[in-house]
Amino acid sequence: MKIAALAGGVGGAKLAQGLAKVLGSDELSIIVNTGDDFEHLGLYISPDIDTVCYTLADKANVSLGWGLKDETYKALEKIGQLNGPTWFKIGDSDLATHLMRTQKMKSGETLTHVTRDFCELWGIKNRVLPMSDDPVRTFVDTKEKGLLPFQEYFVKHQFELCIRGFYFKGIDSASPTKEVIDAIKTSDAVIICPSNPFVSIDPILSLRGIKDILKGKNVIAVSPLIGGKAIKGPLAKMFREMNIEPSVRAITDHYGEILDCLFFDQIDQVDMALEEHSCIILRATNILLPDIESRIRLAAEIVEFLKATNKD
């Protein structure tokens, strides 16, 4: 069975890791959000791609949820001593990733090719595909400061500002890569990982032609909420600031017509009339993913469900 997974952030990386353990190397493609990408200290930084890759390679800093394990921060200390910006905490080993990515892209390589090369070096067998080689940048419309680049909202301001909406700069002229289109078209099913739908998944879905392809696929999402709360990050806060109650219903409404099934946590209270009304299958299970065993368990459960219900 061929699966295309849409992912971004820590939650997406966790399920991607479980899927990579359950599926063969040629059965899984992971399409990653690049709306979080930005330039910092002259370097091209791709946070979601790095989080997914570091997790798949068993290199991630589990306690932080981002960056590399056993990291040091000597370069960052020196930057601070020179009155440079230290709000985005780049570790010394992580710095090497950004330096080499920047050098390769300045020499003409695409983000897709650079990511492929890094995956080979790190022993990642599955395909990790940036959603686009064209620049797309997520901006958060905040009540206090207007439009802010996502990393400034998320890291510099610790997502304390009140949001009014989101803007994807460059989305109208950006295209999904050929690799992304092929991965989705040739897949037997698509899994939307438990990533923030607004800033991790919507940039992918907003690319030209993606939603039209997904309408013909068996699309399964895993809720990024448990008990109306996000395990990590500002998703529940985002929903509330847009006057939407964070819930299973909010997730099904958000994905709408492309969605065939939602896996949600067993502690959530759900009016099962929603299933009949929306024609979206609702599956209650344990979706908390603190360790590799839980990630493999949920991935296997989803794959078994897909084998039983696949449209094709």
Foldseek 3Di string as FASTA:
>chain_A
DAEEEFAFALQRLLLVLLLPVVDDLRRYEYEWEQQLWDADPNWTDRFRLQLNLCSNLVQADLVVRGDGPPFAQPVLVVCVVVVHDCLPRQTPVNVVLRVVCRVVVVVPDFPLVSSVVVSVVSVRRHHYGYQFSWDKHKWFQFPPPGTDTPCCCCRVVVVPTQTDAMDIPPQVVIAGDPVSVVSLQPHLAYEYGQDQCRRIPVSSVSHPPNLVSLLPWAYEYEHCDAQQHGPDDCRSSNCVSNVHRRAPVVVCVVVANSYAEYEYEQVGDDDCVCCVVRVHHYHYDHSDRSDSVSSNVVSVVVVVVCVVDGPD
